[in-house]
């Protein structure tokens, strides 16, 4: 979502109209990077099947967005202090996802979007909004980090490949972590397919 939310919404609605004319039932995914007003993003998020955000997006929302802060105040009294040894449920990514899930509310139809938050070396987290289920996948670290350029896009592409192949949330996060981990351990994108789990090649 590099365009303003209103422009992105117009594009999504046009795609949905055209897809409907041809009997399509494709999946919609959205990557959020820029710090748009969350209230403007909510209709977009509700339209999508999969939404991916990164650490910087989540941290800005936790710090600056009143809708999120209000949900955290309900959840935490006093605010939670996290140590590295604490469970994934206490991680800032999990806190953000739970708060966003509450802001989104119960899906009007279907399972609702699955929202994924990537957090570098601390792995990835996902919230299945309809089931209010949180999932954590540790990062698959390499012995030596060689080239991280494109690792985020590699994670997203591999995650979506797994989801469209019918994999569960946990298996899809693992797929993303495996291929993105391989990407970090090499220069370029050659032969990343070999990092896919056997059942997804």
C-alpha atoms as a PDB file:
ATOM      1  CA  UNK A   1       0.000   0.000   0.000  1.00  0.00           C
ATOM      2  CA  UNK A   2       2.239   2.784  -1.293  1.00  0.00           C
ATOM      3  CA  UNK A   3      -0.694   4.807  -2.593  1.00  0.00           C
ATOM      4  CA  UNK A   4      -3.058   6.669  -0.238  1.00  0.00           C
ATOM      5  CA  UNK A   5      -5.711   4.335   1.243  1.00  0.00           C
ATOM      6  CA  UNK A   6      -8.528   5.880  -0.816  1.00  0.00           C
ATOM      7  CA  UNK A   7      -6.660   5.222  -4.065  1.00  0.00           C
ATOM      8  CA  UNK A   8      -5.807   1.676  -3.007  1.00  0.00           C
ATOM      9  CA  UNK A   9      -9.443   1.051  -2.073  1.00  0.00           C
ATOM     10  CA  UNK A  10     -10.567   2.203  -5.529  1.00  0.00           C
ATOM     11  CA  UNK A  11      -8.107  -0.235  -7.120  1.00  0.00           C
ATOM     12  CA  UNK A  12      -9.277  -3.128  -4.938  1.00  0.00           C
ATOM     13  CA  UNK A  13     -12.936  -2.433  -5.604  1.00  0.00           C
ATOM     14  CA  UNK A  14     -12.284  -2.263  -9.362  1.00  0.00           C
ATOM     15  CA  UNK A  15     -10.430  -5.578  -9.189  1.00  0.00           C
ATOM     16  CA  UNK A  16     -13.284  -7.162  -7.235  1.00  0.00           C
ATOM     17  CA  UNK A  17     -15.844  -5.939  -9.789  1.00  0.00           C
ATOM     18  CA  UNK A  18     -13.864  -7.312 -12.714  1.00  0.00           C
ATOM     19  CA  UNK A  19     -13.144 -10.558 -10.924  1.00  0.00           C
ATOM     20  CA  UNK A  20     -16.836 -10.991 -10.145  1.00  0.00           C
ATOM     21  CA  UNK A  21     -17.768 -10.585 -13.809  1.00  0.00           C
ATOM     22  CA  UNK A  22     -15.661 -13.624 -14.639  1.00  0.00           C
ATOM     23  CA  UNK A  23     -16.733 -15.747 -11.694  1.00  0.00           C
ATOM     24  CA  UNK A  24     -13.419 -15.205  -9.965  1.00  0.00           C
ATOM     25  CA  UNK A  25     -12.880 -15.785  -6.257  1.00  0.00           C
ATOM     26  CA  UNK A  26      -9.228 -14.823  -6.014  1.00  0.00           C
ATOM     27  CA  UNK A  27      -7.484 -13.988  -2.780  1.00  0.00           C
ATOM     28  CA  UNK A  28      -6.523 -10.426  -1.940  1.00  0.00           C
ATOM     29  CA  UNK A  29      -3.309  -9.604  -0.099  1.00  0.00           C
ATOM     30  CA  UNK A  30      -2.012  -6.260   1.101  1.00  0.00           C
ATOM     31  CA  UNK A  31       1.385  -5.157   2.395  1.00  0.00           C
ATOM     32  CA  UNK A  32       1.339  -2.121   4.683  1.00  0.00           C
ATOM     33  CA  UNK A  33       4.557  -0.143   5.057  1.00  0.00           C
ATOM     34  CA  UNK A  34       3.762   3.549   5.230  1.00  0.00           C
ATOM     35  CA  UNK A  35       2.276   5.055   8.365  1.00  0.00           C
ATOM     36  CA  UNK A  36      -1.198   5.840   7.066  1.00  0.00           C
ATOM     37  CA  UNK A  37      -4.021   6.695   9.461  1.00  0.00           C
ATOM     38  CA  UNK A  38      -5.268   3.351  10.786  1.00  0.00           C
ATOM     39  CA  UNK A  39      -8.909   4.462  10.564  1.00  0.00           C
ATOM     40  CA  UNK A  40      -8.423   4.905   6.794  1.00  0.00           C
ATOM     41  CA  UNK A  41      -6.762   1.494   6.507  1.00  0.00           C
ATOM     42  CA  UNK A  42      -9.449  -0.518   8.325  1.00  0.00           C
ATOM     43  CA  UNK A  43     -11.827  -0.839   5.321  1.00  0.00           C
ATOM     44  CA  UNK A  44      -8.888  -2.017   3.192  1.00  0.00           C
ATOM     45  CA  UNK A  45      -7.800  -4.583   5.766  1.00  0.00           C
ATOM     46  CA  UNK A  46     -11.341  -5.955   6.068  1.00  0.00           C
ATOM     47  CA  UNK A  47     -11.493  -6.512   2.298  1.00  0.00           C
ATOM     48  CA  UNK A  48      -8.321  -8.607   2.205  1.00  0.00           C
ATOM     49  CA  UNK A  49      -7.573 -12.245   2.927  1.00  0.00           C
ATOM     50  CA  UNK A  50      -3.967 -11.658   3.954  1.00  0.00           C
ATOM     51  CA  UNK A  51      -2.307  -8.506   5.282  1.00  0.00           C
ATOM     52  CA  UNK A  52       1.425  -8.231   5.984  1.00  0.00           C
ATOM     53  CA  UNK A  53       3.044  -5.516   8.089  1.00  0.00           C
ATOM     54  CA  UNK A  54       6.608  -5.159   9.307  1.00  0.00           C
ATOM     55  CA  UNK A  55       8.175  -4.256  12.632  1.00  0.00           C
ATOM     56  CA  UNK A  56       8.453  -0.530  11.929  1.00  0.00           C
ATOM     57  CA  UNK A  57       4.780  -0.267  10.934  1.00  0.00           C
ATOM     58  CA  UNK A  58       3.660  -2.093  14.088  1.00  0.00           C
ATOM     59  CA  UNK A  59       5.925  -0.063  16.359  1.00  0.00           C
ATOM     60  CA  UNK A  60       4.619   3.227  14.946  1.00  0.00           C
ATOM     61  CA  UNK A  61       1.028   2.069  15.404  1.00  0.00           C
ATOM     62  CA  UNK A  62       1.728   0.970  18.993  1.00  0.00           C
ATOM     63  CA  UNK A  63       3.273   4.335  19.795  1.00  0.00           C
ATOM     64  CA  UNK A  64       1.111   6.797  17.902  1.00  0.00           C
ATOM     65  CA  UNK A  65      -2.327   5.369  17.062  1.00  0.00           C
ATOM     66  CA  UNK A  66      -5.033   6.055  19.615  1.00  0.00           C
ATOM     67  CA  UNK A  67      -7.262   3.194  18.448  1.00  0.00           C
ATOM     68  CA  UNK A  68      -4.454   0.718  19.187  1.00  0.00           C
ATOM     69  CA  UNK A  69      -3.378   2.378  22.442  1.00  0.00           C
ATOM     70  CA  UNK A  70      -6.926   2.242  23.781  1.00  0.00           C
ATOM     71  CA  UNK A  71      -7.075  -1.518  23.228  1.00  0.00           C
ATOM     72  CA  UNK A  72      -3.692  -1.969  24.924  1.00  0.00           C
ATOM     73  CA  UNK A  73      -4.920  -0.037  27.954  1.00  0.00           C
ATOM     74  CA  UNK A  74      -7.870  -2.422  28.263  1.00  0.00           C
ATOM     75  CA  UNK A  75      -5.567  -5.429  27.930  1.00  0.00           C
ATOM     76  CA  UNK A  76      -2.706  -4.274  30.152  1.00  0.00           C
ATOM     77  CA  UNK A  77      -2.807  -2.567  33.518  1.00  0.00           C
ATOM     78  CA  UNK A  78      -0.034  -1.604  34.105  1.00  0.00           C
ATOM     79  CA  UNK A  79       1.543  -1.752  30.607  1.00  0.00           C
ATOM     80  CA  UNK A  80       3.416  -4.989  29.988  1.00  0.00           C
ATOM     81  CA  UNK A  81       7.211  -4.912  30.238  1.00  0.00           C
ATOM     82  CA  UNK A  82       8.817  -7.501  27.987  1.00  0.00           C
ATOM     83  CA  UNK A  83      12.070  -9.380  28.519  1.00  0.00           C
ATOM     84  CA  UNK A  84      13.636 -11.386  25.720  1.00  0.00           C
ATOM     85  CA  UNK A  85      12.885 -14.587  27.610  1.00  0.00           C
ATOM     86  CA  UNK A  86       9.130 -13.969  27.747  1.00  0.00           C
ATOM     87  CA  UNK A  87       6.617 -15.961  25.753  1.00  0.00           C
ATOM     88  CA  UNK A  88       5.660 -14.911  22.206  1.00  0.00           C
ATOM     89  CA  UNK A  89       2.231 -13.852  23.537  1.00  0.00           C
ATOM     90  CA  UNK A  90       3.952 -10.949  25.332  1.00  0.00           C
ATOM     91  CA  UNK A  91       5.920  -9.802  22.282  1.00  0.00           C
ATOM     92  CA  UNK A  92       5.082  -6.334  20.905  1.00  0.00           C
ATOM     93  CA  UNK A  93       4.017  -7.930  17.608  1.00  0.00           C
ATOM     94  CA  UNK A  94       1.478 -10.085  19.438  1.00  0.00           C
ATOM     95  CA  UNK A  95       0.241  -7.097  21.414  1.00  0.00           C
ATOM     96  CA  UNK A  96      -0.190  -5.086  18.227  1.00  0.00           C
ATOM     97  CA  UNK A  97      -2.003  -7.916  16.442  1.00  0.00           C
ATOM     98  CA  UNK A  98      -4.384  -8.533  19.348  1.00  0.00           C
ATOM     99  CA  UNK A  99      -5.181  -4.819  19.575  1.00  0.00           C
ATOM    100  CA  UNK A 100      -5.731  -4.573  15.823  1.00  0.00           C
ATOM    101  CA  UNK A 101      -7.962  -7.643  15.924  1.00  0.00           C
ATOM    102  CA  UNK A 102     -10.141  -5.968  18.547  1.00  0.00           C
ATOM    103  CA  UNK A 103     -10.326  -2.773  16.500  1.00  0.00           C
ATOM    104  CA  UNK A 104     -11.362  -4.766  13.413  1.00  0.00           C
ATOM    105  CA  UNK A 105     -14.057  -6.620  15.347  1.00  0.00           C
ATOM    106  CA  UNK A 106     -15.873  -9.764  14.259  1.00  0.00           C
ATOM    107  CA  UNK A 107     -15.663 -10.359  10.479  1.00  0.00           C
ATOM    108  CA  UNK A 108     -18.924  -9.590   8.701  1.00  0.00           C
ATOM    109  CA  UNK A 109     -18.541 -12.793   6.701  1.00  0.00           C
ATOM    110  CA  UNK A 110     -16.000 -15.536   6.273  1.00  0.00           C
ATOM    111  CA  UNK A 111     -12.948 -16.088   8.455  1.00  0.00           C
ATOM    112  CA  UNK A 112     -11.685 -12.520   8.186  1.00  0.00           C
ATOM    113  CA  UNK A 113      -8.156 -11.508   7.233  1.00  0.00           C
ATOM    114  CA  UNK A 114      -5.018 -13.229   8.477  1.00  0.00           C
ATOM    115  CA  UNK A 115      -2.642 -10.469   9.549  1.00  0.00           C
ATOM    116  CA  UNK A 116       1.078 -11.211   9.574  1.00  0.00           C
ATOM    117  CA  UNK A 117       3.702  -9.113  11.345  1.00  0.00           C
ATOM    118  CA  UNK A 118       7.374  -9.733  10.579  1.00  0.00           C
ATOM    119  CA  UNK A 119       9.980  -8.882  13.219  1.00  0.00           C
ATOM    120  CA  UNK A 120      13.420  -9.621  11.813  1.00  0.00           C
ATOM    121  CA  UNK A 121      15.504 -12.030  13.890  1.00  0.00           C
ATOM    122  CA  UNK A 122      12.593 -12.543  16.284  1.00  0.00           C
ATOM    123  CA  UNK A 123      10.530 -14.203  13.576  1.00  0.00           C
ATOM    124  CA  UNK A 124       7.000 -13.629  12.361  1.00  0.00           C
ATOM    125  CA  UNK A 125       3.624 -13.516  14.061  1.00  0.00           C
ATOM    126  CA  UNK A 126       0.141 -13.981  12.647  1.00  0.00           C
ATOM    127  CA  UNK A 127      -3.391 -13.350  13.836  1.00  0.00           C
ATOM    128  CA  UNK A 128      -6.303 -15.201  12.270  1.00  0.00           C
ATOM    129  CA  UNK A 129      -8.871 -12.533  13.059  1.00  0.00           C
ATOM    130  CA  UNK A 130     -11.982 -14.693  12.761  1.00  0.00           C
ATOM    131  CA  UNK A 131     -10.675 -17.278  15.230  1.00  0.00           C
ATOM    132  CA  UNK A 132      -8.636 -14.784  17.307  1.00  0.00           C
ATOM    133  CA  UNK A 133      -5.743 -17.245  17.005  1.00  0.00           C
ATOM    134  CA  UNK A 134      -2.139 -16.072  17.327  1.00  0.00           C
ATOM    135  CA  UNK A 135       0.744 -17.986  15.769  1.00  0.00           C
ATOM    136  CA  UNK A 136       4.497 -17.413  16.088  1.00  0.00           C
ATOM    137  CA  UNK A 137       7.265 -18.691  13.819  1.00  0.00           C
ATOM    138  CA  UNK A 138      10.884 -18.178  14.924  1.00  0.00           C
ATOM    139  CA  UNK A 139      13.256 -16.874  12.282  1.00  0.00           C
ATOM    140  CA  UNK A 140      15.394 -19.496  10.563  1.00  0.00           C
ATOM    141  CA  UNK A 141      18.804 -17.939  11.044  1.00  0.00           C
ATOM    142  CA  UNK A 142      21.819 -18.610   8.847  1.00  0.00           C
ATOM    143  CA  UNK A 143      25.377 -19.150  10.042  1.00  0.00           C
ATOM    144  CA  UNK A 144      26.331 -15.955   8.227  1.00  0.00           C
ATOM    145  CA  UNK A 145      24.141 -13.124   6.963  1.00  0.00           C
ATOM    146  CA  UNK A 146      25.362 -12.282   3.459  1.00  0.00           C
ATOM    147  CA  UNK A 147      22.663 -10.218   1.719  1.00  0.00           C
ATOM    148  CA  UNK A 148      19.349  -9.177   3.242  1.00  0.00           C
ATOM    149  CA  UNK A 149      18.163  -7.182   0.208  1.00  0.00           C
ATOM    150  CA  UNK A 150      14.767  -8.556  -0.829  1.00  0.00           C
ATOM    151  CA  UNK A 151      14.379 -10.816   2.201  1.00  0.00           C
ATOM    152  CA  UNK A 152      11.089  -9.192   3.186  1.00  0.00           C
ATOM    153  CA  UNK A 153       9.577  -9.585  -0.268  1.00  0.00           C
ATOM    154  CA  UNK A 154      10.895 -13.157  -0.369  1.00  0.00           C
ATOM    155  CA  UNK A 155       9.128 -13.917   2.912  1.00  0.00           C
ATOM    156  CA  UNK A 156       5.833 -12.478   1.667  1.00  0.00           C
ATOM    157  CA  UNK A 157       5.974 -14.298  -1.675  1.00  0.00           C
ATOM    158  CA  UNK A 158       6.793 -17.619   0.007  1.00  0.00           C
ATOM    159  CA  UNK A 159       4.111 -17.164   2.661  1.00  0.00           C
ATOM    160  CA  UNK A 160       1.470 -16.415   0.018  1.00  0.00           C
ATOM    161  CA  UNK A 161       2.643 -19.326  -2.144  1.00  0.00           C
ATOM    162  CA  UNK A 162       2.101 -21.640   0.808  1.00  0.00           C
ATOM    163  CA  UNK A 163      -1.323 -20.187   1.645  1.00  0.00           C
ATOM    164  CA  UNK A 164      -2.508 -20.486  -1.941  1.00  0.00           C
ATOM    165  CA  UNK A 165      -1.276 -24.077  -1.924  1.00  0.00           C
ATOM    166  CA  UNK A 166      -3.573 -24.823   1.025  1.00  0.00           C
ATOM    167  CA  UNK A 167      -1.013 -24.727   3.840  1.00  0.00           C
ATOM    168  CA  UNK A 168      -1.973 -23.727   7.384  1.00  0.00           C
ATOM    169  CA  UNK A 169      -0.938 -20.430   8.941  1.00  0.00           C
ATOM    170  CA  UNK A 170       1.884 -22.095  10.881  1.00  0.00           C
ATOM    171  CA  UNK A 171       3.166 -24.006   7.846  1.00  0.00           C
ATOM    172  CA  UNK A 172       2.978 -20.863   5.699  1.00  0.00           C
ATOM    173  CA  UNK A 173       4.941 -18.784   8.207  1.00  0.00           C
ATOM    174  CA  UNK A 174       7.528 -21.580   8.340  1.00  0.00           C
ATOM    175  CA  UNK A 175       7.745 -21.580   4.546  1.00  0.00           C
ATOM    176  CA  UNK A 176       8.296 -17.823   4.514  1.00  0.00           C
ATOM    177  CA  UNK A 177      10.948 -18.071   7.224  1.00  0.00           C
ATOM    178  CA  UNK A 178      12.788 -20.890   5.442  1.00  0.00           C
ATOM    179  CA  UNK A 179      13.006 -19.171   2.066  1.00  0.00           C
ATOM    180  CA  UNK A 180      13.728 -15.703   3.503  1.00  0.00           C
ATOM    181  CA  UNK A 181      16.410 -17.254   5.709  1.00  0.00           C
ATOM    182  CA  UNK A 182      18.039 -18.821   2.660  1.00  0.00           C
ATOM    183  CA  UNK A 183      17.873 -15.447   0.885  1.00  0.00           C
ATOM    184  CA  UNK A 184      19.764 -13.749   3.740  1.00  0.00           C
ATOM    185  CA  UNK A 185      22.455 -16.418   3.533  1.00  0.00           C
ATOM    186  CA  UNK A 186      23.259 -15.830  -0.149  1.00  0.00           C
ATOM    187  CA  UNK A 187      23.687 -13.076  -2.704  1.00  0.00           C
ATOM    188  CA  UNK A 188      20.767 -12.809  -5.117  1.00  0.00           C
ATOM    189  CA  UNK A 189      17.753 -15.037  -5.616  1.00  0.00           C
ATOM    190  CA  UNK A 190      19.166 -18.069  -7.432  1.00  0.00           C
ATOM    191  CA  UNK A 191      17.757 -21.468  -6.421  1.00  0.00           C
ATOM    192  CA  UNK A 192      15.612 -20.197  -3.547  1.00  0.00           C
ATOM    193  CA  UNK A 193      13.036 -22.778  -4.600  1.00  0.00           C
ATOM    194  CA  UNK A 194      15.203 -25.440  -2.971  1.00  0.00           C
ATOM    195  CA  UNK A 195      14.434 -23.893   0.444  1.00  0.00           C
ATOM    196  CA  UNK A 196      10.710 -24.579   0.042  1.00  0.00           C
ATOM    197  CA  UNK A 197       9.346 -27.488   2.076  1.00  0.00           C
ATOM    198  CA  UNK A 198       9.055 -30.599  -0.125  1.00  0.00           C
ATOM    199  CA  UNK A 199       5.250 -30.514  -0.178  1.00  0.00           C
ATOM    200  CA  UNK A 200       5.247 -26.939  -1.552  1.00  0.00           C
ATOM    201  CA  UNK A 201       7.769 -27.301  -4.398  1.00  0.00           C
END
